[in-house]
Protein backbone atom coordinates (compact mmCIF):
# COMPACT_ATOMS: atom_id res chain seq x y z
CA MET A 1 108.00 94.21 106.86
CA SER A 2 105.57 94.86 104.05
CA LYS A 3 102.75 97.34 104.51
CA ALA A 4 100.71 95.36 101.98
CA ILE A 5 98.91 92.57 103.84
CA ALA A 6 96.99 89.68 102.28
CA ASN A 7 93.19 89.90 102.66
CA HIS A 8 93.35 93.58 103.67
CA ARG A 9 91.63 96.27 101.63
CA TYR A 10 93.28 99.38 100.23
CA ARG A 11 92.07 102.51 98.49
CA HIS A 12 94.03 103.97 95.57
CA TYR A 13 94.82 107.66 95.91
CA LYS A 14 93.22 108.61 92.57
CA LYS A 15 89.59 107.88 93.45
CA GLU A 16 87.52 107.01 96.52
CA SER A 17 85.81 104.12 94.71
CA MET A 18 89.09 102.44 93.68
CA VAL A 19 89.17 99.75 96.37
CA TYR A 20 91.33 96.64 96.14
CA THR A 21 91.93 93.54 98.22
CA VAL A 22 95.51 92.27 98.42
CA ILE A 23 95.74 88.59 97.44
CA THR A 24 99.43 88.27 98.36
CA ALA A 25 102.39 90.56 98.94
CA ASP A 26 104.83 87.64 98.65
CA ALA A 27 104.84 87.00 94.88
CA LEU A 28 108.17 87.29 93.06
CA ASP A 29 109.00 88.49 89.57
CA CYS A 30 110.41 85.44 87.75
CA GLU A 31 113.24 87.41 86.13
CA THR A 32 114.22 90.03 88.70
CA VAL A 33 113.02 88.21 91.85
CA LYS A 34 111.62 91.55 93.04
CA PRO A 35 108.69 91.27 95.47
CA LEU A 36 105.28 91.86 93.89
CA VAL A 37 101.82 92.55 95.26
CA VAL A 38 98.89 90.76 93.63
CA TYR A 39 95.60 92.54 94.26
CA ARG A 40 91.97 92.33 93.12
CA SER A 41 89.63 95.19 92.23
CA GLU A 42 86.46 95.52 94.29
CA TYR A 43 84.82 97.79 91.70
CA SER A 44 84.15 97.65 87.97
CA THR A 45 84.77 99.99 85.05
CA PRO A 46 83.71 99.70 81.41
CA ASP A 47 87.17 98.25 80.64
CA HIS A 48 87.75 96.05 83.71
CA PRO A 49 85.16 94.00 85.61
CA GLU A 50 85.12 93.71 89.38
CA GLY A 51 87.56 91.02 90.44
CA THR A 52 90.25 91.94 87.91
CA LEU A 53 93.66 90.90 89.21
CA TRP A 54 96.53 93.37 89.14
CA VAL A 55 100.23 92.99 89.90
CA ARG A 56 102.53 95.77 91.04
CA ASP A 57 106.07 95.97 92.37
CA ARG A 58 105.75 95.99 96.18
CA ASP A 59 107.94 99.10 96.51
CA ASP A 60 105.62 100.89 94.08
CA PHE A 61 102.48 99.64 95.87
CA GLU A 62 103.85 101.02 99.16
CA SER A 63 105.19 104.27 97.68
CA LYS A 64 104.04 107.85 98.11
CA VAL A 65 102.90 110.14 95.29
CA THR A 66 102.97 113.90 94.99
CA LEU A 67 99.64 115.45 94.03
CA PRO A 68 99.33 118.50 91.77
CA ASP A 69 98.82 120.72 94.85
CA GLY A 70 102.18 119.53 96.22
CA SER A 71 100.81 117.32 98.99
CA VAL A 72 102.32 113.87 99.39
CA VAL A 73 100.04 110.86 100.00
CA ASP A 74 100.32 107.08 100.06
CA ARG A 75 99.61 105.47 96.68
CA PHE A 76 97.47 102.89 98.53
CA THR A 77 95.93 103.43 101.97
CA GLU A 78 94.59 100.57 104.04
CA ILE A 79 90.89 100.90 104.75
CA PHE A 80 88.63 98.99 107.04
CA LEU A 81 85.44 97.86 105.31
CA PRO A 82 83.40 94.77 106.03
CA LEU A 83 84.44 91.91 103.72
């Protein structure tokens, strides 16, 4: 079962303000048929307005990353904020 859940919010490990809402975790790549996560930014940057849609391989979305200090964290962590 996928850890990415539609309509749930997630924080990216790089920055506290990088919050996203998953649109669907059931999209498929048209060539590889790999599962994809489609998610929307809940913040803006000079290059990308709030509401920008992003797509990432589901395995990558649900993966862990190793930080420079050697600690291992989830790439995206579910958070509970009012919608």
